[in-house]
């Protein structure tokens, strides 16, 4: 990808990410104006303003940090401990929906106290407007997806096993490539691991299972069977601090049984001078069998290569399908000139994805239901006393940016971006309705308490609660960002390994 392409993708990601946050804040702003609340500032982006203009008593500003925005509403809550008593709006810690307390430079505390009280109903309306606008934006995206379609392929709607590690849990239990999985841990499954339907996917049911063994019902040659696999966890990388404590530097690995989904083993790239190139293999060739045994995934070819790393290299016979032609080729893996630390390779450097893609047109209601189902299932797994899903597995802003940047790079990525935006906006709306003091739901809860008590919560208590929760939220965001960033960097390194170079054939 060219530098200009990277810049363009980054611009698209920033633009879309800020659209989602900006619409959320616009909901708060319009509701505040409707209910007659004083609005000090409506800002796009954070940090010291690089542009600002006052119109009808409201200062509109553009910050220098391209991330989100905020609405300054001095009548919503007393947060001087967080904002500082100087009245400055720039560079302060705020709650996620950012109704920031304060005012223009030079505005005094006494002046702010002369503002009329706001009724609990007004506060509820303003707080609820943000999630409402996020939800409405999700519906808008869903309608667009309904019209333009969402890419889908056969692998998205299949539970056929593509590869099984013979030494892994599933292999030892008796599962084989080509088996079609019907149930996992007593739950029916319809997909392998697509993000759009995680609640009925094989992967989700494996990682959220709770028993010592996982029951897997499958069908092979028309006959249903059940096996019981004992899952394992990949070792998590840790940093030992002074020999006293291990600090994880990556997310805790979840349950695995070492299987992959079925997909065509179609060659995309062949290294020059490699055994594959000498045998005449080329882009578009599909490998259908290895040593006479039918395969269901390119992972089987990689496993055959890897099996020779600690043994004598033996010829491998690949059965190839090229259009209407079928033929066999015998290849002998060799060590490349560089890098020097790799095992013998065949020279097939990358594989094509499933090209049998069609456009599906899920209804807006279906999209909203799937999106809401994801967040509810995640929270159920998060708070399950027997589950292994913890807050460490959640994703934050870095993960969202990474997903968007990956989707934008795909040829048909704009459709996937629209679909992912439905999920993200529904999640944003629902998460903000949680009754935590620094979220919209927290403001609503405090307003309901105020309505029952017929007086606001003590400013001292409110400041203490909101400051504490704001600090916890910031810590949580940094904590999640650490793991998100680590995942991204490790993935980037894996995708930019040293090129494989083979010696010319003699």
Protein backbone atom coordinates (compact mmCIF):
# COMPACT_ATOMS: atom_id res chain seq x y z
CA UNK A 1 0.00 0.00 0.00
CA UNK A 2 1.34 3.45 -0.90
CA UNK A 3 1.90 6.22 1.64
CA UNK A 4 -0.99 8.18 0.09
CA UNK A 5 -3.26 5.17 0.58
CA UNK A 6 -2.28 4.97 4.26
CA UNK A 7 -2.97 8.68 4.66
CA UNK A 8 -6.34 8.34 2.95
CA UNK A 9 -7.35 5.38 5.12
CA UNK A 10 -6.28 7.27 8.27
CA UNK A 11 -8.36 10.25 7.15
CA UNK A 12 -11.40 8.03 6.55
CA UNK A 13 -11.04 6.41 9.97
CA UNK A 14 -10.71 9.73 11.81
CA UNK A 15 -13.65 11.21 9.89
CA UNK A 16 -15.98 8.31 10.60
CA UNK A 17 -14.90 7.88 14.24
CA UNK A 18 -15.55 11.57 14.89
CA UNK A 19 -18.90 11.36 13.10
CA UNK A 20 -20.09 8.74 15.59
CA UNK A 21 -19.00 10.80 18.61
CA UNK A 22 -20.12 14.10 17.06
CA UNK A 23 -23.67 12.86 16.44
CA UNK A 24 -23.84 11.61 20.04
CA UNK A 25 -22.78 15.03 21.35
CA UNK A 26 -25.13 16.77 18.92
CA UNK A 27 -27.99 14.96 20.63
CA UNK A 28 -27.00 16.44 23.99
CA UNK A 29 -26.55 19.89 22.44
CA UNK A 30 -29.91 20.01 20.67
CA UNK A 31 -31.74 18.67 23.72
CA UNK A 32 -30.07 21.25 25.94
CA UNK A 33 -31.11 24.07 23.60
CA UNK A 34 -34.65 22.67 23.41
CA UNK A 35 -34.99 22.50 27.21
CA UNK A 36 -33.52 25.99 27.69
CA UNK A 37 -30.26 25.03 29.38
CA UNK A 38 -27.25 27.30 29.13
CA UNK A 39 -24.65 25.95 26.70
CA UNK A 40 -21.18 27.38 27.20
CA UNK A 41 -19.48 25.58 24.36
CA UNK A 42 -20.06 22.98 21.65
CA UNK A 43 -16.66 21.69 20.60
CA UNK A 44 -15.51 19.28 17.97
CA UNK A 45 -12.26 17.57 18.98
CA UNK A 46 -10.39 18.11 22.23
CA UNK A 47 -7.51 20.26 23.39
CA UNK A 48 -6.90 23.97 23.10
CA UNK A 49 -9.11 25.40 20.32
CA UNK A 50 -7.45 26.21 17.02
CA UNK A 51 -10.67 27.95 15.99
CA UNK A 52 -13.64 29.28 17.94
CA UNK A 53 -16.56 31.59 17.35
CA UNK A 54 -19.37 32.74 19.62
CA UNK A 55 -22.88 32.68 18.17
CA UNK A 56 -26.01 33.50 20.21
CA UNK A 57 -24.18 32.98 23.48
CA UNK A 58 -22.69 29.62 22.51
CA UNK A 59 -19.01 29.25 21.72
CA UNK A 60 -18.37 26.81 18.87
CA UNK A 61 -14.83 25.49 18.82
CA UNK A 62 -12.51 23.15 16.98
CA UNK A 63 -9.80 21.52 19.10
CA UNK A 64 -6.42 20.28 17.95
CA UNK A 65 -6.77 16.66 19.12
CA UNK A 66 -8.88 14.84 16.48
CA UNK A 67 -10.93 12.65 18.79
CA UNK A 68 -14.59 13.22 19.57
CA UNK A 69 -16.10 16.35 21.03
CA UNK A 70 -18.02 17.71 23.99
CA UNK A 71 -20.80 20.03 25.15
CA UNK A 72 -20.20 22.33 28.13
CA UNK A 73 -23.39 22.51 30.24
CA UNK A 74 -22.79 24.29 33.59
CA UNK A 75 -26.28 23.46 34.90
CA UNK A 76 -25.98 19.69 34.53
CA UNK A 77 -23.66 18.80 37.43
CA UNK A 78 -21.09 20.37 39.73
CA UNK A 79 -17.71 18.98 38.76
CA UNK A 80 -15.25 21.65 39.87
CA UNK A 81 -12.96 18.99 41.32
CA UNK A 82 -12.58 17.50 37.85
CA UNK A 83 -12.72 20.72 35.88
CA UNK A 84 -10.81 23.00 38.23
CA UNK A 85 -12.23 26.25 39.60
CA UNK A 86 -10.59 28.53 37.05
CA UNK A 87 -13.44 28.08 34.62
CA UNK A 88 -11.13 26.91 31.83
CA UNK A 89 -12.57 24.44 29.38
CA UNK A 90 -9.40 23.24 27.75
CA UNK A 91 -7.61 20.01 28.48
CA UNK A 92 -9.66 18.78 31.42
CA UNK A 93 -10.72 15.28 32.40
CA UNK A 94 -14.41 14.74 31.68
CA UNK A 95 -17.07 12.10 31.66
CA UNK A 96 -17.54 10.19 28.36
CA UNK A 97 -20.49 12.25 27.09
CA UNK A 98 -18.60 15.39 28.08
CA UNK A 99 -21.13 17.82 29.48
CA UNK A 100 -18.23 19.80 30.84
CA UNK A 101 -18.77 22.19 33.71
CA UNK A 102 -17.10 25.57 33.62
CA UNK A 103 -17.40 28.60 31.46
CA UNK A 104 -15.50 31.17 29.52
CA UNK A 105 -12.20 32.44 30.83
CA UNK A 106 -12.86 35.05 33.45
CA UNK A 107 -16.27 33.71 34.44
CA UNK A 108 -16.50 33.54 38.23
CA UNK A 109 -17.94 30.88 40.48
CA UNK A 110 -20.55 33.34 41.70
CA UNK A 111 -21.71 34.03 38.15
CA UNK A 112 -22.21 30.36 37.51
CA UNK A 113 -24.21 29.99 40.71
CA UNK A 114 -26.72 32.60 39.47
CA UNK A 115 -27.90 30.23 36.74
CA UNK A 116 -31.40 28.89 37.38
CA UNK A 117 -31.81 25.34 38.61
CA UNK A 118 -32.63 22.69 36.03
CA UNK A 119 -35.47 20.26 36.65
CA UNK A 120 -34.70 16.53 36.89
CA UNK A 121 -36.82 16.01 33.77
CA UNK A 122 -34.69 18.45 31.79
CA UNK A 123 -31.52 16.68 32.93
CA UNK A 124 -32.95 13.30 31.97
CA UNK A 125 -33.96 14.55 28.53
CA UNK A 126 -30.51 16.03 27.86
CA UNK A 127 -28.69 12.93 29.13
CA UNK A 128 -30.91 10.54 27.19
CA UNK A 129 -30.57 12.51 23.94
CA UNK A 130 -26.96 11.37 23.38
CA UNK A 131 -27.68 7.62 23.38
CA UNK A 132 -30.88 8.31 21.42
CA UNK A 133 -28.96 10.05 18.64
CA UNK A 134 -26.40 7.22 18.59
CA UNK A 135 -29.25 4.75 18.22
CA UNK A 136 -30.87 6.81 15.48
CA UNK A 137 -27.54 6.94 13.65
CA UNK A 138 -27.36 3.14 13.95
CA UNK A 139 -30.81 2.90 12.35
CA UNK A 140 -29.70 5.23 9.55
CA UNK A 141 -26.63 3.09 8.87
CA UNK A 142 -28.80 -0.05 9.05
CA UNK A 143 -31.17 1.34 6.43
CA UNK A 144 -28.21 2.10 4.16
CA UNK A 145 -26.80 -1.43 4.67
CA UNK A 146 -30.26 -2.83 3.90
CA UNK A 147 -30.14 -0.99 0.59
CA UNK A 148 -26.52 -1.44 -0.55
CA UNK A 149 -26.00 -4.88 0.99
CA UNK A 150 -23.37 -6.49 3.19
CA UNK A 151 -20.70 -8.84 1.76
CA UNK A 152 -21.16 -12.46 2.82
CA UNK A 153 -19.62 -15.70 1.68
CA UNK A 154 -20.16 -19.39 2.13
CA UNK A 155 -17.66 -19.59 4.99
CA UNK A 156 -19.68 -17.06 7.00
CA UNK A 157 -22.62 -19.43 7.18
CA UNK A 158 -20.80 -22.73 7.58
CA UNK A 159 -19.73 -24.77 10.59
CA UNK A 160 -17.62 -27.23 8.57
CA UNK A 161 -14.26 -27.93 10.19
CA UNK A 162 -11.36 -27.03 7.90
CA UNK A 163 -8.42 -28.31 9.91
CA UNK A 164 -7.85 -30.10 13.20
CA UNK A 165 -4.53 -30.27 15.05
CA UNK A 166 -4.15 -34.04 15.53
CA UNK A 167 -2.33 -33.45 18.84
CA UNK A 168 -4.83 -30.84 20.07
CA UNK A 169 -7.99 -31.24 22.17
CA UNK A 170 -10.37 -31.66 19.23
CA UNK A 171 -8.06 -34.08 17.42
CA UNK A 172 -7.63 -36.25 20.50
CA UNK A 173 -11.41 -36.22 21.02
CA UNK A 174 -11.97 -37.56 17.49
CA UNK A 175 -13.06 -34.49 15.50
CA UNK A 176 -11.84 -34.52 11.88
CA UNK A 177 -11.60 -32.05 8.95
CA UNK A 178 -14.84 -32.07 6.98
CA UNK A 179 -17.04 -32.66 10.04
CA UNK A 180 -20.00 -30.28 10.31
CA UNK A 181 -20.48 -29.01 13.87
CA UNK A 182 -24.11 -28.82 14.99
CA UNK A 183 -23.83 -27.93 18.68
CA UNK A 184 -21.15 -26.71 21.07
CA UNK A 185 -21.68 -27.05 24.82
CA UNK A 186 -25.35 -27.75 24.23
CA UNK A 187 -25.92 -24.66 22.05
CA UNK A 188 -26.85 -24.88 18.37
CA UNK A 189 -24.36 -23.11 16.08
CA UNK A 190 -24.87 -21.68 12.60
CA UNK A 191 -21.55 -19.92 11.96
CA UNK A 192 -17.91 -20.53 12.72
CA UNK A 193 -16.68 -17.19 13.92
CA UNK A 194 -18.09 -14.16 12.07
CA UNK A 195 -18.41 -11.03 14.19
CA UNK A 196 -21.95 -10.43 12.97
CA UNK A 197 -23.41 -13.45 14.77
CA UNK A 198 -21.08 -14.34 17.60
CA UNK A 199 -23.80 -15.70 19.88
CA UNK A 200 -24.43 -18.72 17.65
CA UNK A 201 -20.87 -19.24 16.43
CA UNK A 202 -18.53 -22.14 17.16
CA UNK A 203 -15.74 -19.88 18.44
CA UNK A 204 -17.97 -17.94 20.84
CA UNK A 205 -19.47 -21.08 22.34
CA UNK A 206 -16.00 -22.56 22.87
CA UNK A 207 -14.55 -19.52 24.67
CA UNK A 208 -17.66 -19.05 26.82
CA UNK A 209 -18.04 -22.72 27.78
CA UNK A 210 -17.62 -23.45 31.48
CA UNK A 211 -17.23 -27.21 31.93
CA UNK A 212 -14.03 -29.23 32.13
CA UNK A 213 -14.95 -30.85 28.81
CA UNK A 214 -16.80 -29.26 25.90
CA UNK A 215 -19.50 -31.36 24.27
CA UNK A 216 -19.34 -31.02 20.48
CA UNK A 217 -22.12 -32.56 18.40
CA UNK A 218 -21.23 -33.01 14.74
CA UNK A 219 -22.32 -34.87 11.64
CA UNK A 220 -19.98 -37.02 9.52
CA UNK A 221 -21.17 -38.99 6.49
CA UNK A 222 -24.77 -38.35 7.50
CA UNK A 223 -24.31 -39.73 11.02
CA UNK A 224 -24.52 -37.56 14.14
CA UNK A 225 -21.95 -38.08 16.88
CA UNK A 226 -20.82 -36.25 20.03
CA UNK A 227 -17.25 -35.90 21.28
CA UNK A 228 -15.92 -34.26 24.43
CA UNK A 229 -12.85 -32.05 24.05
CA UNK A 230 -10.78 -30.81 26.99
CA UNK A 231 -9.82 -27.20 26.10
CA UNK A 232 -6.45 -25.64 26.82
CA UNK A 233 -5.07 -22.10 27.10
CA UNK A 234 -2.12 -20.79 25.12
CA UNK A 235 0.55 -19.45 27.44
CA UNK A 236 0.23 -15.71 27.99
CA UNK A 237 3.32 -13.53 27.72
CA UNK A 238 4.22 -11.83 30.99
CA UNK A 239 6.82 -9.40 32.31
CA UNK A 240 8.38 -10.37 35.61
CA UNK A 241 8.81 -7.35 37.87
CA UNK A 242 11.87 -7.69 40.12
CA UNK A 243 11.25 -11.41 40.40
CA UNK A 244 8.19 -10.71 42.54
CA UNK A 245 5.17 -10.52 40.28
CA UNK A 246 4.24 -11.43 36.71
CA UNK A 247 2.58 -8.60 34.82
CA UNK A 248 0.70 -9.69 31.67
CA UNK A 249 1.77 -7.89 28.50
CA UNK A 250 -0.97 -9.42 26.37
CA UNK A 251 -4.56 -10.47 26.93
CA UNK A 252 -5.12 -13.73 28.74
CA UNK A 253 -5.60 -16.47 26.17
CA UNK A 254 -9.08 -17.97 26.08
CA UNK A 255 -10.16 -21.59 25.65
CA UNK A 256 -9.06 -23.33 22.46
CA UNK A 257 -9.54 -26.78 20.95
CA UNK A 258 -7.31 -26.09 17.90
CA UNK A 259 -9.65 -26.22 14.93
CA UNK A 260 -10.21 -23.84 12.04
CA UNK A 261 -13.10 -23.24 9.68
CA UNK A 262 -13.28 -24.68 6.19
CA UNK A 263 -12.09 -22.54 3.28
CA UNK A 264 -10.66 -23.18 -0.16
CA UNK A 265 -6.87 -23.53 -0.28
CA UNK A 266 -6.42 -21.15 -3.22
CA UNK A 267 -2.91 -19.89 -3.88
CA UNK A 268 -2.37 -16.13 -4.05
CA UNK A 269 1.43 -15.71 -4.12
CA UNK A 270 4.30 -18.06 -5.03
CA UNK A 271 7.91 -17.17 -4.20
CA UNK A 272 10.38 -17.00 -7.09
CA UNK A 273 12.74 -19.99 -7.36
CA UNK A 274 10.75 -21.87 -4.72
CA UNK A 275 9.70 -25.52 -5.06
CA UNK A 276 6.13 -24.34 -5.78
CA UNK A 277 7.34 -22.03 -8.55
CA UNK A 278 9.53 -24.74 -10.09
CA UNK A 279 6.54 -27.12 -10.03
CA UNK A 280 4.55 -24.58 -12.04
CA UNK A 281 2.05 -23.56 -9.37
CA UNK A 282 0.58 -20.10 -9.77
CA UNK A 283 -1.97 -17.67 -8.43
CA UNK A 284 -5.51 -19.06 -8.54
CA UNK A 285 -4.55 -22.73 -8.27
CA UNK A 286 -6.62 -24.56 -5.68
CA UNK A 287 -5.02 -27.34 -3.65
CA UNK A 288 -7.67 -29.99 -3.01
CA UNK A 289 -5.57 -32.79 -1.49
CA UNK A 290 -2.22 -33.40 0.21
CA UNK A 291 -0.64 -36.81 -0.31
CA UNK A 292 -3.94 -38.09 -1.65
CA UNK A 293 -5.97 -36.93 1.37
CA UNK A 294 -8.69 -34.35 0.75
CA UNK A 295 -8.15 -31.07 2.58
CA UNK A 296 -10.65 -28.43 3.69
CA UNK A 297 -8.30 -25.55 4.46
CA UNK A 298 -4.89 -24.19 3.45
CA UNK A 299 -3.87 -24.78 7.09
CA UNK A 300 -3.44 -28.43 6.15
CA UNK A 301 -0.65 -27.44 3.74
CA UNK A 302 1.03 -25.31 6.39
CA UNK A 303 0.75 -28.18 8.86
CA UNK A 304 2.40 -30.54 6.36
CA UNK A 305 5.30 -28.08 6.01
CA UNK A 306 5.59 -27.65 9.75
CA UNK A 307 5.58 -31.42 10.35
CA UNK A 308 8.94 -31.64 8.58
CA UNK A 309 10.63 -29.08 10.83
CA UNK A 310 11.90 -31.74 13.23
CA UNK A 311 12.19 -34.68 10.84
CA UNK A 312 13.63 -35.70 7.50
CA UNK A 313 12.14 -33.69 4.64
CA UNK A 314 9.92 -35.90 2.50
CA UNK A 315 8.31 -35.09 -0.88
CA UNK A 316 4.72 -33.82 -0.68
CA UNK A 317 2.20 -34.55 -3.39
CA UNK A 318 -0.29 -31.74 -3.96
CA UNK A 319 -3.46 -32.30 -5.98
CA UNK A 320 -4.23 -29.13 -7.90
CA UNK A 321 -7.39 -27.83 -9.52
CA UNK A 322 -6.86 -25.13 -12.15
CA UNK A 323 -10.13 -24.17 -13.78
CA UNK A 324 -11.48 -27.37 -15.33
CA UNK A 325 -8.05 -29.06 -15.19
CA UNK A 326 -6.85 -31.30 -12.34
CA UNK A 327 -3.30 -32.61 -11.85
CA UNK A 328 -0.78 -33.64 -9.19
CA UNK A 329 2.60 -32.11 -8.42
CA UNK A 330 5.30 -33.53 -6.16
CA UNK A 331 7.23 -30.91 -4.21
CA UNK A 332 10.24 -31.17 -1.91
CA UNK A 333 10.46 -28.37 0.64
CA UNK A 334 13.80 -26.56 0.90
CA UNK A 335 15.28 -24.00 3.26
CA UNK A 336 15.32 -20.50 1.76
CA UNK A 337 18.41 -18.28 1.65
CA UNK A 338 16.68 -15.82 3.93
CA UNK A 339 15.53 -15.61 6.54
CA UNK A 340 17.93 -18.22 7.82
CA UNK A 341 15.91 -19.19 10.91
CA UNK A 342 12.96 -20.77 9.11
CA UNK A 343 12.22 -24.43 8.43
CA UNK A 344 12.02 -25.93 4.89
CA UNK A 345 9.22 -24.32 2.86
CA UNK A 346 7.28 -25.07 -0.31
CA UNK A 347 7.23 -21.41 -1.32
CA UNK A 348 3.48 -20.71 -1.20
CA UNK A 349 3.65 -17.35 0.55
CA UNK A 350 -0.01 -16.32 0.82
CA UNK A 351 -3.53 -17.56 0.14
CA UNK A 352 -6.64 -16.06 -1.36
CA UNK A 353 -9.69 -15.47 0.76
CA UNK A 354 -13.09 -16.85 -0.14
CA UNK A 355 -13.96 -15.17 -3.43
CA UNK A 356 -17.46 -16.62 -3.55
CA UNK A 357 -18.91 -13.44 -2.04
CA UNK A 358 -22.50 -12.32 -2.42
CA UNK A 359 -24.40 -9.34 -1.09
CA UNK A 360 -27.00 -9.98 1.59
CA UNK A 361 -29.58 -7.39 2.61
CA UNK A 362 -30.47 -7.87 6.29
CA UNK A 363 -33.39 -5.75 7.46
CA UNK A 364 -32.66 -2.83 9.82
CA UNK A 365 -34.52 -4.67 12.60
CA UNK A 366 -32.36 -7.76 12.13
CA UNK A 367 -29.18 -5.68 12.24
CA UNK A 368 -30.25 -3.87 15.41
CA UNK A 369 -31.23 -7.15 17.07
CA UNK A 370 -27.87 -8.75 16.22
CA UNK A 371 -25.97 -5.67 17.45
CA UNK A 372 -27.90 -5.50 20.72
CA UNK A 373 -27.53 -9.25 21.16
CA UNK A 374 -23.76 -8.90 20.99
CA UNK A 375 -23.54 -6.45 23.86
CA UNK A 376 -26.01 -8.40 26.02
CA UNK A 377 -24.16 -11.67 25.39
CA UNK A 378 -20.84 -10.00 26.15
CA UNK A 379 -22.10 -8.69 29.48
CA UNK A 380 -23.62 -12.07 30.33
CA UNK A 381 -20.25 -13.71 29.69
CA UNK A 382 -18.43 -10.92 31.53
CA UNK A 383 -20.42 -11.35 34.75
CA UNK A 384 -20.82 -15.12 34.60
CA UNK A 385 -19.23 -16.55 37.74
CA UNK A 386 -17.97 -19.59 35.86
CA UNK A 387 -16.85 -17.80 32.70
CA UNK A 388 -13.34 -16.78 31.66
CA UNK A 389 -14.29 -13.61 29.78
CA UNK A 390 -13.03 -10.60 31.74
CA UNK A 391 -12.69 -6.86 31.20
CA UNK A 392 -9.26 -7.59 29.73
CA UNK A 393 -10.98 -9.09 26.66
CA UNK A 394 -12.99 -5.92 25.95
CA UNK A 395 -11.91 -3.53 23.24
CA UNK A 396 -11.60 0.25 23.28
CA UNK A 397 -10.95 3.15 20.95
CA UNK A 398 -7.69 1.68 19.61
CA UNK A 399 -9.45 -1.55 18.67
CA UNK A 400 -12.24 0.36 16.96
CA UNK A 401 -9.76 2.39 14.93
CA UNK A 402 -7.89 -0.79 14.02
CA UNK A 403 -11.08 -2.51 12.82
CA UNK A 404 -12.09 0.49 10.74
CA UNK A 405 -8.62 0.83 9.19
CA UNK A 406 -8.62 -2.87 8.23
CA UNK A 407 -12.12 -2.66 6.76
CA UNK A 408 -11.32 0.44 4.72
CA UNK A 409 -8.38 -1.35 3.08
CA UNK A 410 -10.67 -4.05 1.67
CA UNK A 411 -11.95 -3.59 -1.87
CA UNK A 412 -15.55 -3.85 -0.70
CA UNK A 413 -14.70 -2.49 2.74
CA UNK A 414 -17.03 0.50 2.67
CA UNK A 415 -20.02 -1.83 2.93
CA UNK A 416 -18.45 -3.62 5.88
CA UNK A 417 -17.69 -0.25 7.47
CA UNK A 418 -21.37 0.70 7.28
CA UNK A 419 -22.35 -2.62 8.85
CA UNK A 420 -19.76 -2.30 11.64
CA UNK A 421 -20.99 1.23 12.31
CA UNK A 422 -24.45 -0.19 13.08
CA UNK A 423 -22.93 -2.47 15.70
CA UNK A 424 -20.74 0.27 17.15
CA UNK A 425 -23.52 2.84 17.48
CA UNK A 426 -25.88 0.37 19.16
CA UNK A 427 -23.06 -0.52 21.56
CA UNK A 428 -22.34 3.16 22.20
CA UNK A 429 -26.00 3.86 22.95
CA UNK A 430 -26.46 0.90 25.29
CA UNK A 431 -23.16 1.29 27.13
CA UNK A 432 -23.86 4.94 27.81
CA UNK A 433 -27.14 3.99 29.43
CA UNK A 434 -25.38 2.05 32.19
CA UNK A 435 -26.20 3.70 35.56
CA UNK A 436 -22.64 4.79 36.30
CA UNK A 437 -22.05 8.38 37.47
CA UNK A 438 -19.80 9.36 34.55
CA UNK A 439 -22.12 7.95 31.86
CA UNK A 440 -25.43 9.22 30.53
CA UNK A 441 -27.21 6.52 32.49
CA UNK A 442 -25.53 7.84 35.63
CA UNK A 443 -26.88 11.34 35.01
CA UNK A 444 -30.34 9.87 34.51
CA UNK A 445 -30.04 7.87 37.73
CA UNK A 446 -28.92 10.92 39.72
CA UNK A 447 -31.78 12.94 38.23
CA UNK A 448 -34.29 10.28 39.27
CA UNK A 449 -32.85 10.34 42.80
CA UNK A 450 -33.17 14.13 42.77
CA UNK A 451 -36.82 13.86 41.67
CA UNK A 452 -37.61 11.45 44.52
CA UNK A 453 -35.72 13.46 47.17
CA UNK A 454 -37.01 16.77 45.75
CA UNK A 455 -33.51 18.21 46.00
CA UNK A 456 -30.23 17.62 44.19
CA UNK A 457 -27.60 15.27 45.47
CA UNK A 458 -25.07 17.08 47.63
CA UNK A 459 -22.46 18.80 45.48
CA UNK A 460 -19.71 17.49 47.77
CA UNK A 461 -20.92 13.90 47.46
CA UNK A 462 -21.50 14.30 43.72
CA UNK A 463 -18.00 15.65 43.16
CA UNK A 464 -16.52 12.78 45.15
CA UNK A 465 -18.49 10.14 43.25
CA UNK A 466 -17.90 11.57 39.80
CA UNK A 467 -14.21 12.24 40.41
CA UNK A 468 -13.73 8.66 41.59
CA UNK A 469 -15.61 7.14 38.67
CA UNK A 470 -13.89 9.45 36.18
CA UNK A 471 -10.51 8.29 37.49
CA UNK A 472 -11.60 4.65 37.25
CA UNK A 473 -12.86 5.20 33.71
CA UNK A 474 -9.60 6.79 32.63
CA UNK A 475 -7.63 3.93 34.17
CA UNK A 476 -9.88 1.41 32.41
CA UNK A 477 -9.47 3.16 29.05
CA UNK A 478 -5.68 3.22 29.41
CA UNK A 479 -5.69 -0.42 30.55
CA UNK A 480 -7.71 -1.56 27.52
CA UNK A 481 -5.72 0.67 25.15
CA UNK A 482 -2.51 -1.03 26.35
CA UNK A 483 -3.75 -4.46 25.25
CA UNK A 484 -5.37 -3.12 22.06
CA UNK A 485 -2.12 -1.44 21.05
CA UNK A 486 -0.09 -4.55 21.84
CA UNK A 487 -2.39 -6.69 19.69
CA UNK A 488 -2.09 -4.21 16.82
CA UNK A 489 1.71 -4.04 17.00
CA UNK A 490 2.10 -7.82 17.15
CA UNK A 491 -0.21 -8.20 14.18
CA UNK A 492 1.71 -5.55 12.23
CA UNK A 493 5.02 -7.30 12.92
CA UNK A 494 3.57 -10.63 11.82
CA UNK A 495 2.39 -9.06 8.55
CA UNK A 496 5.75 -7.44 7.81
CA UNK A 497 8.13 -10.31 8.30
CA UNK A 498 11.39 -10.50 6.36
CA UNK A 499 10.75 -11.53 2.72
CA UNK A 500 11.48 -15.17 1.92
CA UNK A 501 14.15 -15.58 -0.76
CA UNK A 502 15.03 -18.93 -2.39
CA UNK A 503 18.25 -19.75 -4.20
CA UNK A 504 17.98 -20.17 -8.00
CA UNK A 505 17.44 -23.78 -9.06
CA UNK A 506 20.56 -25.52 -10.38
